[in-house]
N, C-alpha and C. Protein backbone atom coordinates (compact mmCIF):
# COMPACT_ATOMS: atom_id res chain seq x y z
N MET A 1 48.05 33.34 0.04
CA MET A 1 47.85 32.11 -0.68
C MET A 1 48.02 30.90 0.23
N PHE A 2 49.02 30.94 1.13
CA PHE A 2 49.29 29.78 1.96
C PHE A 2 48.41 29.72 3.21
N ALA A 3 47.60 30.74 3.46
CA ALA A 3 46.74 30.72 4.64
C ALA A 3 45.71 29.61 4.55
N LYS A 4 45.18 29.35 3.35
CA LYS A 4 44.17 28.30 3.17
C LYS A 4 44.74 27.06 2.50
N ASN A 5 45.72 27.25 1.63
CA ASN A 5 46.29 26.14 0.86
C ASN A 5 47.67 25.82 1.38
N ARG A 6 47.82 24.68 2.02
CA ARG A 6 49.09 24.29 2.61
C ARG A 6 50.03 23.63 1.62
N VAL A 7 49.48 23.17 0.48
CA VAL A 7 50.29 22.52 -0.54
C VAL A 7 50.00 23.19 -1.88
N VAL A 8 51.08 23.59 -2.57
CA VAL A 8 50.95 24.19 -3.88
C VAL A 8 51.80 23.38 -4.85
N ILE A 9 51.21 23.00 -5.98
CA ILE A 9 51.93 22.26 -7.00
C ILE A 9 52.33 23.24 -8.09
N VAL A 10 53.62 23.35 -8.34
CA VAL A 10 54.14 24.19 -9.41
C VAL A 10 54.31 23.26 -10.62
N GLU A 11 53.50 23.48 -11.64
CA GLU A 11 53.41 22.57 -12.77
C GLU A 11 54.79 22.22 -13.34
N ASN A 12 55.04 20.92 -13.42
CA ASN A 12 56.28 20.37 -13.99
C ASN A 12 57.55 20.84 -13.27
N GLU A 13 57.43 21.30 -12.04
CA GLU A 13 58.60 21.82 -11.32
C GLU A 13 58.76 21.21 -9.94
N CYS A 14 57.81 21.52 -9.04
CA CYS A 14 58.00 21.12 -7.65
C CYS A 14 56.68 21.20 -6.88
N VAL A 15 56.77 20.83 -5.62
CA VAL A 15 55.65 20.96 -4.68
C VAL A 15 56.15 21.81 -3.52
N ILE A 16 55.36 22.81 -3.12
CA ILE A 16 55.71 23.66 -1.99
C ILE A 16 54.72 23.36 -0.87
N VAL A 17 55.24 23.01 0.30
CA VAL A 17 54.40 22.64 1.44
C VAL A 17 54.74 23.55 2.61
N THR A 18 53.72 24.09 3.27
CA THR A 18 53.94 24.94 4.44
C THR A 18 53.16 24.40 5.64
N GLY A 19 53.57 24.81 6.81
CA GLY A 19 52.89 24.40 8.03
C GLY A 19 53.55 25.05 9.22
N ASN A 20 52.94 24.92 10.39
CA ASN A 20 53.49 25.55 11.58
C ASN A 20 54.42 24.63 12.37
N LYS A 21 54.41 23.34 12.05
CA LYS A 21 55.32 22.38 12.68
C LYS A 21 55.83 21.43 11.61
N LEU A 22 57.05 20.97 11.78
CA LEU A 22 57.66 20.09 10.79
C LEU A 22 56.84 18.82 10.58
N ILE A 23 56.29 18.26 11.65
CA ILE A 23 55.50 17.04 11.52
C ILE A 23 54.25 17.28 10.67
N ASN A 24 53.65 18.49 10.79
CA ASN A 24 52.48 18.83 9.97
C ASN A 24 52.87 18.93 8.50
N ILE A 25 54.04 19.51 8.24
CA ILE A 25 54.49 19.66 6.87
C ILE A 25 54.68 18.30 6.22
N PHE A 26 55.33 17.37 6.93
CA PHE A 26 55.50 16.02 6.40
C PHE A 26 54.15 15.33 6.19
N ASP A 27 53.21 15.57 7.07
CA ASP A 27 51.88 14.98 6.94
C ASP A 27 51.18 15.50 5.68
N TYR A 28 51.23 16.82 5.46
CA TYR A 28 50.63 17.40 4.25
C TYR A 28 51.28 16.84 2.99
N LEU A 29 52.60 16.71 3.03
CA LEU A 29 53.33 16.17 1.88
C LEU A 29 52.96 14.72 1.62
N GLU A 30 52.82 13.94 2.68
CA GLU A 30 52.45 12.54 2.54
C GLU A 30 51.04 12.40 1.95
N VAL A 31 50.12 13.22 2.40
CA VAL A 31 48.75 13.20 1.87
C VAL A 31 48.75 13.59 0.39
N ALA A 32 49.54 14.61 0.03
CA ALA A 32 49.62 15.03 -1.37
C ALA A 32 50.19 13.92 -2.23
N GLU A 33 51.24 13.25 -1.75
CA GLU A 33 51.85 12.15 -2.51
C GLU A 33 50.87 11.00 -2.69
N PHE A 34 50.17 10.62 -1.62
CA PHE A 34 49.21 9.53 -1.70
C PHE A 34 48.07 9.89 -2.66
N SER A 35 47.60 11.13 -2.59
CA SER A 35 46.52 11.57 -3.49
C SER A 35 46.96 11.53 -4.94
N ALA A 36 48.18 12.01 -5.22
CA ALA A 36 48.69 11.99 -6.59
C ALA A 36 48.82 10.57 -7.10
N ASN A 37 49.32 9.68 -6.27
CA ASN A 37 49.46 8.28 -6.65
C ASN A 37 48.09 7.66 -6.93
N SER A 38 47.10 7.99 -6.11
CA SER A 38 45.74 7.47 -6.30
C SER A 38 45.15 7.95 -7.63
N LEU A 39 45.40 9.22 -7.97
CA LEU A 39 44.89 9.76 -9.23
C LEU A 39 45.54 9.07 -10.43
N VAL A 40 46.83 8.83 -10.36
CA VAL A 40 47.53 8.16 -11.46
C VAL A 40 47.00 6.74 -11.63
N MET A 41 46.83 6.04 -10.52
CA MET A 41 46.34 4.66 -10.59
C MET A 41 44.90 4.62 -11.09
N ALA A 42 44.07 5.52 -10.62
CA ALA A 42 42.66 5.54 -11.02
C ALA A 42 42.51 5.90 -12.50
N SER A 43 43.37 6.76 -13.00
CA SER A 43 43.25 7.18 -14.40
C SER A 43 43.53 6.04 -15.36
N SER A 44 44.22 5.00 -14.90
CA SER A 44 44.47 3.85 -15.77
C SER A 44 43.24 2.96 -15.90
N ILE A 45 42.29 3.12 -14.99
CA ILE A 45 41.07 2.32 -15.01
C ILE A 45 40.02 2.94 -15.92
N ARG A 46 39.81 4.25 -15.74
CA ARG A 46 38.82 4.96 -16.57
C ARG A 46 39.04 6.46 -16.43
N LEU A 47 38.30 7.22 -17.20
CA LEU A 47 38.39 8.68 -17.16
C LEU A 47 37.98 9.19 -15.77
N LEU A 48 38.77 10.08 -15.22
CA LEU A 48 38.47 10.61 -13.89
C LEU A 48 37.26 11.54 -13.93
N GLN A 49 36.45 11.48 -12.90
CA GLN A 49 35.25 12.30 -12.78
C GLN A 49 35.42 13.22 -11.57
N PRO A 50 35.57 14.54 -11.78
CA PRO A 50 35.76 15.44 -10.64
C PRO A 50 34.54 15.46 -9.71
N MET A 51 34.81 15.68 -8.43
CA MET A 51 33.73 15.81 -7.45
C MET A 51 33.13 17.20 -7.56
N GLY A 52 31.85 17.29 -7.33
CA GLY A 52 31.16 18.58 -7.35
C GLY A 52 31.25 19.26 -6.00
N ASP A 53 30.83 20.52 -5.96
CA ASP A 53 30.86 21.29 -4.72
C ASP A 53 30.01 20.65 -3.63
N LYS A 54 28.89 20.05 -4.01
CA LYS A 54 28.00 19.42 -3.03
C LYS A 54 28.71 18.26 -2.33
N GLU A 55 29.39 17.41 -3.10
CA GLU A 55 30.10 16.27 -2.51
C GLU A 55 31.25 16.74 -1.61
N ILE A 56 31.94 17.78 -2.04
CA ILE A 56 33.05 18.31 -1.25
C ILE A 56 32.53 18.90 0.06
N ASP A 57 31.42 19.62 0.01
CA ASP A 57 30.81 20.17 1.23
C ASP A 57 30.38 19.06 2.19
N GLU A 58 29.83 17.98 1.64
CA GLU A 58 29.43 16.85 2.48
C GLU A 58 30.63 16.23 3.18
N LEU A 59 31.76 16.12 2.49
CA LEU A 59 32.99 15.59 3.11
C LEU A 59 33.51 16.53 4.18
N ARG A 60 33.43 17.83 3.95
CA ARG A 60 33.87 18.80 4.95
C ARG A 60 33.05 18.68 6.23
N VAL A 61 31.76 18.50 6.09
CA VAL A 61 30.90 18.33 7.26
C VAL A 61 31.20 17.03 7.96
N ALA A 62 31.34 15.95 7.19
CA ALA A 62 31.60 14.63 7.78
C ALA A 62 32.92 14.57 8.54
N PHE A 63 33.94 15.27 8.04
CA PHE A 63 35.25 15.23 8.68
C PHE A 63 35.57 16.49 9.49
N ASN A 64 34.56 17.32 9.69
CA ASN A 64 34.69 18.53 10.51
C ASN A 64 35.86 19.41 10.03
N VAL A 65 35.86 19.70 8.73
CA VAL A 65 36.90 20.53 8.13
C VAL A 65 36.24 21.82 7.66
N LYS A 66 36.90 22.95 7.92
CA LYS A 66 36.35 24.25 7.52
C LYS A 66 36.53 24.49 6.05
């Protein structure tokens, strides 16, 4: 499970973050926190619209992410 997903959210409990270096773990946690905050703020403006697979694939190519 953690080979591909470095951050796991346990509903109403906690967040589990893994990585090979402590600095990477803090980075993953910071990104997760910023993303969660962005979702909360955006939901106050209007209903959230999930991204489709096509948009996600385009971002992976643009940012060179596997």
